[in-house]
Amino acid sequence: MAFKELYCVDCGESLGEYSEYYFHDEALNNVITFNQQSRAHKRHDIVIRI
């Protein structure tokens, strides 16, 4: 099963791995919006890596 990773470029750390089967890019953007609000508020660059 393939996974996608949320990665904070500014902090240099992984924020979690998510299954591509259950989480498409739009769902991962919702995860960033709701679960990573403090990082997004500080304007950290969060990317989705394969």
C-alpha atoms as a PDB file:
ATOM      1  CA  MET A   1       0.000   0.000   0.000  1.00  0.00           C
ATOM      2  CA  ALA A   2       1.345   3.415  -0.959  1.00  0.00           C
ATOM      3  CA  PHE A   3       1.650   6.251   1.536  1.00  0.00           C
ATOM      4  CA  LYS A   4       1.939  10.023   1.311  1.00  0.00           C
ATOM      5  CA  GLU A   5       3.818  12.038   3.900  1.00  0.00           C
ATOM      6  CA  LEU A   6       3.115  15.502   5.261  1.00  0.00           C
ATOM      7  CA  TYR A   7       6.454  17.264   5.677  1.00  0.00           C
ATOM      8  CA  CYS A   8       7.243  20.677   7.167  1.00  0.00           C
ATOM      9  CA  VAL A   9      10.095  22.200   5.169  1.00  0.00           C
ATOM     10  CA  ASP A  10      10.777  24.923   7.746  1.00  0.00           C
ATOM     11  CA  CYS A  11      11.026  22.535  10.717  1.00  0.00           C
ATOM     12  CA  GLY A  12      12.578  19.692   8.740  1.00  0.00           C
ATOM     13  CA  GLU A  13      10.302  17.055  10.256  1.00  0.00           C
ATOM     14  CA  SER A  14       7.641  14.610   9.162  1.00  0.00           C
ATOM     15  CA  LEU A  15       4.119  15.379  10.363  1.00  0.00           C
ATOM     16  CA  GLY A  16       2.689  11.957   9.536  1.00  0.00           C
ATOM     17  CA  GLU A  17       2.152   9.354   6.848  1.00  0.00           C
ATOM     18  CA  TYR A  18      -1.247   8.753   5.291  1.00  0.00           C
ATOM     19  CA  SER A  19      -2.525   5.966   3.033  1.00  0.00           C
ATOM     20  CA  GLU A  20      -3.218   7.034  -0.549  1.00  0.00           C
ATOM     21  CA  TYR A  21      -6.198   4.668  -0.521  1.00  0.00           C
ATOM     22  CA  TYR A  22      -8.026   6.642   2.179  1.00  0.00           C
ATOM     23  CA  PHE A  23      -6.547  10.144   1.834  1.00  0.00           C
ATOM     24  CA  HIS A  24      -6.427  11.950  -1.502  1.00  0.00           C
ATOM     25  CA  ASP A  25      -4.783  15.367  -1.848  1.00  0.00           C
ATOM     26  CA  GLU A  26      -7.931  17.306  -0.939  1.00  0.00           C
ATOM     27  CA  ALA A  27      -8.373  15.264   2.247  1.00  0.00           C
ATOM     28  CA  LEU A  28      -4.714  15.859   3.156  1.00  0.00           C
ATOM     29  CA  ASN A  29      -5.228  19.598   2.696  1.00  0.00           C
ATOM     30  CA  ASN A  30      -8.087  19.325   5.209  1.00  0.00           C
ATOM     31  CA  VAL A  31      -5.740  17.513   7.609  1.00  0.00           C
ATOM     32  CA  ILE A  32      -3.258  20.370   7.262  1.00  0.00           C
ATOM     33  CA  THR A  33      -6.013  22.938   7.841  1.00  0.00           C
ATOM     34  CA  PHE A  34      -7.441  21.304  10.966  1.00  0.00           C
ATOM     35  CA  ASN A  35      -4.530  19.435  12.568  1.00  0.00           C
ATOM     36  CA  GLN A  36      -1.580  21.661  11.713  1.00  0.00           C
ATOM     37  CA  GLN A  37      -3.135  25.074  12.359  1.00  0.00           C
ATOM     38  CA  SER A  38      -0.228  26.356  14.450  1.00  0.00           C
ATOM     39  CA  ARG A  39       2.311  25.600  11.720  1.00  0.00           C
ATOM     40  CA  ALA A  40       0.077  26.949   8.951  1.00  0.00           C
ATOM     41  CA  HIS A  41      -0.588  30.091  11.020  1.00  0.00           C
ATOM     42  CA  LYS A  42       3.177  30.659  11.340  1.00  0.00           C
ATOM     43  CA  ARG A  43       3.421  30.412   7.524  1.00  0.00           C
ATOM     44  CA  HIS A  44       5.452  27.205   7.557  1.00  0.00           C
ATOM     45  CA  ASP A  45       5.748  25.485   4.186  1.00  0.00           C
ATOM     46  CA  ILE A  46       3.977  22.119   4.519  1.00  0.00           C
ATOM     47  CA  VAL A  47       4.259  19.830   1.484  1.00  0.00           C
ATOM     48  CA  ILE A  48       2.821  16.451   0.539  1.00  0.00           C
ATOM     49  CA  ARG A  49       5.576  13.995  -0.377  1.00  0.00           C
ATOM     50  CA  ILE A  50       5.145  10.596  -1.996  1.00  0.00           C
END
